[in-house]
Each structure stands twice: as structure tokens, then as C-alpha cells.
Protein backbone atom coordinates (compact mmCIF):
# COMPACT_ATOMS: atom_id res chain seq x y z
CA MET A 1 120.78 82.48 101.80
CA LYS A 2 118.39 80.87 99.36
CA GLU A 3 116.86 78.73 102.10
CA MET A 4 116.25 81.72 104.37
CA LEU A 5 114.44 83.62 101.60
CA GLU A 6 112.33 80.57 100.80
CA ILE A 7 111.29 80.23 104.45
CA LEU A 8 110.21 83.89 104.53
CA VAL A 9 108.26 83.70 101.27
CA ARG A 10 106.58 80.37 102.06
CA SER A 11 104.81 81.99 105.00
CA LEU A 12 103.35 84.70 102.73
CA VAL A 13 102.11 82.94 99.58
CA ASP A 14 99.31 80.48 98.85
CA ASN A 15 101.01 78.66 95.94
CA VAL A 16 104.15 77.40 97.66
CA ASP A 17 105.06 75.10 94.76
CA LYS A 18 105.42 78.10 92.39
CA ILE A 19 108.27 79.75 94.35
CA GLU A 20 111.47 79.98 92.30
CA ILE A 21 114.68 81.48 93.65
CA THR A 22 117.73 81.93 91.43
CA GLU A 23 121.17 82.78 92.84
CA ASN A 24 123.55 84.97 90.84
CA GLY A 25 126.96 86.28 91.83
CA ASP A 26 129.79 84.98 93.96
CA ASP A 27 130.19 84.07 97.64
CA LYS A 28 130.59 87.65 98.91
CA ASP A 29 128.14 89.54 96.67
CA LEU A 30 124.94 87.63 95.91
CA THR A 31 121.76 88.51 94.00
CA LEU A 32 118.64 86.45 94.64
CA GLU A 33 115.88 86.60 92.02
CA LEU A 34 112.48 85.67 93.43
CA ARG A 35 109.61 84.50 91.25
CA VAL A 36 106.16 83.65 92.62
CA ASP A 37 102.77 82.93 91.11
CA PRO A 38 101.20 86.13 89.70
CA SER A 39 98.26 85.76 92.10
CA ASP A 40 100.71 85.90 95.05
CA MET A 41 102.72 88.87 93.78
CA GLY A 42 100.70 91.38 95.80
CA LYS A 43 101.26 89.40 99.00
CA VAL A 44 105.02 89.44 98.48
CA ILE A 45 105.21 93.13 97.56
CA GLY A 46 102.62 94.49 100.00
CA LYS A 47 101.05 97.93 100.13
CA GLN A 48 103.52 100.52 98.86
CA GLY A 49 106.21 97.82 98.83
CA LYS A 50 106.38 97.47 102.61
CA ILE A 51 106.54 93.66 102.65
CA ALA A 52 109.21 93.61 99.92
CA ARG A 53 111.23 96.19 101.83
CA ALA A 54 110.94 94.13 105.01
CA ILE A 55 112.08 90.96 103.21
CA ARG A 56 115.10 92.82 101.81
CA THR A 57 115.96 94.24 105.24
CA LEU A 58 115.80 90.81 106.90
CA MET A 59 117.90 89.23 104.16
CA LYS A 60 120.53 92.01 104.39
CA ALA A 61 120.73 91.56 108.17
CA TYR A 62 121.11 87.80 107.76
CA ALA A 63 123.78 88.28 105.06
CA THR A 64 125.72 90.74 107.21
CA LYS A 65 125.79 88.20 110.01
CA GLU A 66 127.28 85.71 107.51
CA GLY A 67 129.81 88.28 106.26
CA LYS A 68 128.17 88.63 102.84
CA ARG A 69 126.15 91.14 100.83
CA VAL A 70 122.83 90.22 99.28
CA ASN A 71 120.33 91.88 96.96
CA VAL A 72 116.79 90.52 96.55
CA GLU A 73 114.98 91.18 93.27
CA ILE A 74 111.32 90.29 92.82
CA VAL A 75 110.70 89.53 89.13
CA ASP A 76 107.68 88.52 87.07
């Protein structure tokens, strides 16, 4: 899961080395906390949160295929 999120976010941000993803939870129910450079925050969230919503939708579809549930939180 973590690798898939990193692949998605790498294509959006300029400062790739500042991406931090923390996994919380167990095998079935997982929460991924995403941290990026403050200058890239707008690129990850998008206008009216459309990019963030799309990332969450893709991750939920990927998790469902794996038989898991995932929640993506974008934090400062």
C-alpha cells in the first residue's frame, strides 16, 4: 500500500525527497499518513481537494482489490 501511494505522490510533487508516509493499523484496516514539503501541499490537495479525493479513491480501489481497507490522511 505504502509503495502505491508513494508512486502516485512522486508524480505530483517537486521535492520527492521530502515525501514521508507512515502506516498505522493492522493488515485489514490501514491508515496512511502522508507528509510532503509545504511548498508541494497545494499540488497534492488540488483545487477544492480534487487531487486528494482522487488519490483516496485510487488507494481505496487498490486496497479493495487486495482485500483490505485503507484511509489516506494528508497532514502538515
